[in-house]
Amino acid sequence: MGRAAGEASAFAKSAADRLGGADGDVIYFQIALILIHRGNPGLSAKEMDWARIQRGYFATRERYGVTEHQENLMAYMAWKFRDAAFAQKAI
Protein backbone atom coordinates (compact mmCIF):
# COMPACT_ATOMS: atom_id res chain seq x y z
CA MET A 1 0.00 0.00 0.00
CA GLY A 2 2.30 2.75 1.17
CA ARG A 3 -0.27 5.49 0.64
CA ALA A 4 -1.87 7.53 3.38
CA ALA A 5 -5.58 6.98 3.91
CA GLY A 6 -7.53 9.51 1.91
CA GLU A 7 -4.74 10.26 -0.57
CA ALA A 8 -6.52 8.70 -3.57
CA SER A 9 -9.82 10.38 -2.81
CA ALA A 10 -8.02 13.69 -2.26
CA PHE A 11 -6.37 13.31 -5.67
CA ALA A 12 -9.75 12.63 -7.31
CA LYS A 13 -11.25 15.72 -5.70
CA SER A 14 -8.29 17.92 -6.58
CA ALA A 15 -8.24 16.81 -10.23
CA ALA A 16 -12.00 17.26 -10.57
CA ASP A 17 -12.01 20.65 -8.84
CA ARG A 18 -9.31 21.94 -11.19
CA LEU A 19 -11.62 21.33 -14.13
CA GLY A 20 -14.79 22.22 -12.31
CA GLY A 21 -18.40 21.82 -13.41
CA ALA A 22 -19.60 18.85 -15.41
CA ASP A 23 -16.09 18.21 -16.80
CA GLY A 24 -14.78 17.85 -13.27
CA ASP A 25 -17.62 15.52 -12.36
CA VAL A 26 -16.83 13.34 -15.40
CA ILE A 27 -13.20 13.08 -14.30
CA TYR A 28 -14.25 12.32 -10.72
CA PHE A 29 -16.52 9.52 -12.00
CA GLN A 30 -13.73 8.05 -14.14
CA ILE A 31 -11.27 8.08 -11.25
CA ALA A 32 -13.87 6.54 -8.93
CA LEU A 33 -14.50 3.74 -11.43
CA ILE A 34 -10.84 2.81 -11.29
CA LEU A 35 -10.38 3.22 -7.54
CA ILE A 36 -13.50 1.44 -6.38
CA HIS A 37 -13.55 -1.24 -9.07
CA ARG A 38 -10.06 -2.41 -8.29
CA GLY A 39 -11.06 -2.91 -4.68
CA ASN A 40 -8.13 -0.94 -3.35
CA PRO A 41 -7.73 -2.21 0.19
CA GLY A 42 -6.63 1.20 1.47
CA LEU A 43 -9.67 2.98 0.04
CA SER A 44 -13.06 2.97 1.66
CA ALA A 45 -15.84 3.81 -0.79
CA LYS A 46 -17.12 6.19 1.87
CA GLU A 47 -14.08 8.40 1.24
CA MET A 48 -15.48 9.20 -2.18
CA ASP A 49 -18.27 11.71 -2.85
CA TRP A 50 -21.22 9.56 -3.94
CA ALA A 51 -23.27 12.54 -5.16
CA ARG A 52 -20.38 13.67 -7.36
CA ILE A 53 -19.88 10.18 -8.73
CA GLN A 54 -23.55 10.15 -9.71
CA ARG A 55 -23.32 13.57 -11.38
CA GLY A 56 -20.25 12.38 -13.28
CA TYR A 57 -21.99 9.20 -14.37
CA PHE A 58 -24.98 11.08 -15.78
CA ALA A 59 -22.76 13.71 -17.43
CA THR A 60 -20.69 10.94 -19.02
CA ARG A 61 -23.82 9.11 -20.16
CA GLU A 62 -25.25 12.27 -21.69
CA ARG A 63 -22.05 13.40 -23.43
CA TYR A 64 -20.40 10.19 -24.50
CA GLY A 65 -22.68 7.32 -23.67
CA VAL A 66 -21.67 4.57 -21.27
CA THR A 67 -20.73 0.99 -21.87
CA GLU A 68 -22.45 -1.97 -20.29
CA HIS A 69 -19.26 -2.46 -18.27
CA GLN A 70 -19.52 1.09 -16.89
CA GLU A 71 -23.19 0.52 -16.05
CA ASN A 72 -22.26 -2.64 -14.18
CA LEU A 73 -19.51 -0.83 -12.28
CA MET A 74 -21.96 1.94 -11.42
CA ALA A 75 -24.38 -0.65 -10.04
CA TYR A 76 -21.50 -2.12 -8.03
CA MET A 77 -20.68 1.32 -6.65
CA ALA A 78 -24.36 1.87 -5.78
CA TRP A 79 -24.18 -1.40 -3.84
CA LYS A 80 -20.98 -0.24 -2.09
CA PHE A 81 -22.76 2.98 -1.11
CA ARG A 82 -25.89 1.01 -0.15
CA ASP A 83 -28.04 2.93 -2.64
CA ALA A 84 -30.38 0.38 -4.25
CA ALA A 85 -32.73 3.12 -5.46
CA PHE A 86 -29.95 4.67 -7.53
CA ALA A 87 -29.01 1.34 -9.06
CA GLN A 88 -32.59 0.88 -10.22
CA LYS A 89 -32.77 4.42 -11.64
CA ALA A 90 -29.40 4.44 -13.36
CA ILE A 91 -29.51 1.15 -15.18
C-alpha atoms as a PDB file:
ATOM      1  CA  MET A   1       0.000   0.000   0.000  1.00  0.00           C
ATOM      2  CA  GLY A   2       2.304   2.754   1.168  1.00  0.00           C
ATOM      3  CA  ARG A   3      -0.271   5.492   0.639  1.00  0.00           C
ATOM      4  CA  ALA A   4      -1.873   7.526   3.377  1.00  0.00           C
ATOM      5  CA  ALA A   5      -5.578   6.981   3.908  1.00  0.00           C
ATOM      6  CA  GLY A   6      -7.527   9.511   1.908  1.00  0.00           C
ATOM      7  CA  GLU A   7      -4.741  10.258  -0.573  1.00  0.00           C
ATOM      8  CA  ALA A   8      -6.516   8.700  -3.570  1.00  0.00           C
ATOM      9  CA  SER A   9      -9.824  10.378  -2.807  1.00  0.00           C
ATOM     10  CA  ALA A  10      -8.022  13.694  -2.259  1.00  0.00           C
ATOM     11  CA  PHE A  11      -6.365  13.310  -5.669  1.00  0.00           C
ATOM     12  CA  ALA A  12      -9.748  12.627  -7.315  1.00  0.00           C
ATOM     13  CA  LYS A  13     -11.249  15.717  -5.698  1.00  0.00           C
ATOM     14  CA  SER A  14      -8.291  17.915  -6.576  1.00  0.00           C
ATOM     15  CA  ALA A  15      -8.240  16.813 -10.226  1.00  0.00           C
ATOM     16  CA  ALA A  16     -11.996  17.258 -10.571  1.00  0.00           C
ATOM     17  CA  ASP A  17     -12.010  20.646  -8.835  1.00  0.00           C
ATOM     18  CA  ARG A  18      -9.305  21.942 -11.189  1.00  0.00           C
ATOM     19  CA  LEU A  19     -11.616  21.331 -14.134  1.00  0.00           C
ATOM     20  CA  GLY A  20     -14.794  22.220 -12.311  1.00  0.00           C
ATOM     21  CA  GLY A  21     -18.402  21.824 -13.408  1.00  0.00           C
ATOM     22  CA  ALA A  22     -19.600  18.849 -15.408  1.00  0.00           C
ATOM     23  CA  ASP A  23     -16.094  18.209 -16.799  1.00  0.00           C
ATOM     24  CA  GLY A  24     -14.780  17.853 -13.265  1.00  0.00           C
ATOM     25  CA  ASP A  25     -17.623  15.520 -12.361  1.00  0.00           C
ATOM     26  CA  VAL A  26     -16.834  13.345 -15.402  1.00  0.00           C
ATOM     27  CA  ILE A  27     -13.198  13.082 -14.301  1.00  0.00           C
ATOM     28  CA  TYR A  28     -14.245  12.317 -10.721  1.00  0.00           C
ATOM     29  CA  PHE A  29     -16.515   9.524 -11.995  1.00  0.00           C
ATOM     30  CA  GLN A  30     -13.733   8.054 -14.143  1.00  0.00           C
ATOM     31  CA  ILE A  31     -11.267   8.082 -11.253  1.00  0.00           C
ATOM     32  CA  ALA A  32     -13.874   6.545  -8.926  1.00  0.00           C
ATOM     33  CA  LEU A  33     -14.497   3.744 -11.429  1.00  0.00           C
ATOM     34  CA  ILE A  34     -10.844   2.811 -11.286  1.00  0.00           C
ATOM     35  CA  LEU A  35     -10.377   3.225  -7.538  1.00  0.00           C
ATOM     36  CA  ILE A  36     -13.499   1.442  -6.378  1.00  0.00           C
ATOM     37  CA  HIS A  37     -13.552  -1.241  -9.075  1.00  0.00           C
ATOM     38  CA  ARG A  38     -10.057  -2.407  -8.289  1.00  0.00           C
ATOM     39  CA  GLY A  39     -11.060  -2.908  -4.684  1.00  0.00           C
ATOM     40  CA  ASN A  40      -8.128  -0.936  -3.355  1.00  0.00           C
ATOM     41  CA  PRO A  41      -7.730  -2.212   0.191  1.00  0.00           C
ATOM     42  CA  GLY A  42      -6.629   1.198   1.471  1.00  0.00           C
ATOM     43  CA  LEU A  43      -9.672   2.977   0.035  1.00  0.00           C
ATOM     44  CA  SER A  44     -13.059   2.974   1.656  1.00  0.00           C
ATOM     45  CA  ALA A  45     -15.839   3.811  -0.787  1.00  0.00           C
ATOM     46  CA  LYS A  46     -17.124   6.190   1.870  1.00  0.00           C
ATOM     47  CA  GLU A  47     -14.075   8.404   1.242  1.00  0.00           C
ATOM     48  CA  MET A  48     -15.483   9.200  -2.180  1.00  0.00           C
ATOM     49  CA  ASP A  49     -18.267  11.713  -2.855  1.00  0.00           C
ATOM     50  CA  TRP A  50     -21.220   9.560  -3.943  1.00  0.00           C
ATOM     51  CA  ALA A  51     -23.265  12.539  -5.156  1.00  0.00           C
ATOM     52  CA  ARG A  52     -20.377  13.671  -7.364  1.00  0.00           C
ATOM     53  CA  ILE A  53     -19.882  10.177  -8.733  1.00  0.00           C
ATOM     54  CA  GLN A  54     -23.553  10.149  -9.713  1.00  0.00           C
ATOM     55  CA  ARG A  55     -23.317  13.567 -11.380  1.00  0.00           C
ATOM     56  CA  GLY A  56     -20.254  12.384 -13.277  1.00  0.00           C
ATOM     57  CA  TYR A  57     -21.990   9.204 -14.369  1.00  0.00           C
ATOM     58  CA  PHE A  58     -24.976  11.084 -15.779  1.00  0.00           C
ATOM     59  CA  ALA A  59     -22.758  13.710 -17.430  1.00  0.00           C
ATOM     60  CA  THR A  60     -20.692  10.940 -19.021  1.00  0.00           C
ATOM     61  CA  ARG A  61     -23.817   9.111 -20.155  1.00  0.00           C
ATOM     62  CA  GLU A  62     -25.252  12.275 -21.687  1.00  0.00           C
ATOM     63  CA  ARG A  63     -22.055  13.402 -23.430  1.00  0.00           C
ATOM     64  CA  TYR A  64     -20.396  10.187 -24.503  1.00  0.00           C
ATOM     65  CA  GLY A  65     -22.680   7.316 -23.666  1.00  0.00           C
ATOM     66  CA  VAL A  66     -21.666   4.570 -21.273  1.00  0.00           C
ATOM     67  CA  THR A  67     -20.727   0.989 -21.869  1.00  0.00           C
ATOM     68  CA  GLU A  68     -22.450  -1.965 -20.291  1.00  0.00           C
ATOM     69  CA  HIS A  69     -19.265  -2.458 -18.269  1.00  0.00           C
ATOM     70  CA  GLN A  70     -19.518   1.094 -16.890  1.00  0.00           C
ATOM     71  CA  GLU A  71     -23.195   0.523 -16.049  1.00  0.00           C
ATOM     72  CA  ASN A  72     -22.265  -2.642 -14.177  1.00  0.00           C
ATOM     73  CA  LEU A  73     -19.512  -0.827 -12.282  1.00  0.00           C
ATOM     74  CA  MET A  74     -21.960   1.939 -11.418  1.00  0.00           C
ATOM     75  CA  ALA A  75     -24.380  -0.652 -10.044  1.00  0.00           C
ATOM     76  CA  TYR A  76     -21.496  -2.121  -8.032  1.00  0.00           C
ATOM     77  CA  MET A  77     -20.682   1.322  -6.646  1.00  0.00           C
ATOM     78  CA  ALA A  78     -24.355   1.867  -5.783  1.00  0.00           C
ATOM     79  CA  TRP A  79     -24.180  -1.395  -3.842  1.00  0.00           C
ATOM     80  CA  LYS A  80     -20.980  -0.240  -2.093  1.00  0.00           C
ATOM     81  CA  PHE A  81     -22.764   2.977  -1.107  1.00  0.00           C
ATOM     82  CA  ARG A  82     -25.886   1.008  -0.153  1.00  0.00           C
ATOM     83  CA  ASP A  83     -28.040   2.933  -2.635  1.00  0.00           C
ATOM     84  CA  ALA A  84     -30.381   0.380  -4.247  1.00  0.00           C
ATOM     85  CA  ALA A  85     -32.734   3.118  -5.460  1.00  0.00           C
ATOM     86  CA  PHE A  86     -29.949   4.670  -7.528  1.00  0.00           C
ATOM     87  CA  ALA A  87     -29.005   1.341  -9.057  1.00  0.00           C
ATOM     88  CA  GLN A  88     -32.593   0.880 -10.215  1.00  0.00           C
ATOM     89  CA  LYS A  89     -32.770   4.420 -11.636  1.00  0.00           C
ATOM     90  CA  ALA A  90     -29.399   4.437 -13.361  1.00  0.00           C
ATOM     91  CA  ILE A  91     -29.514   1.146 -15.180  1.00  0.00           C
END
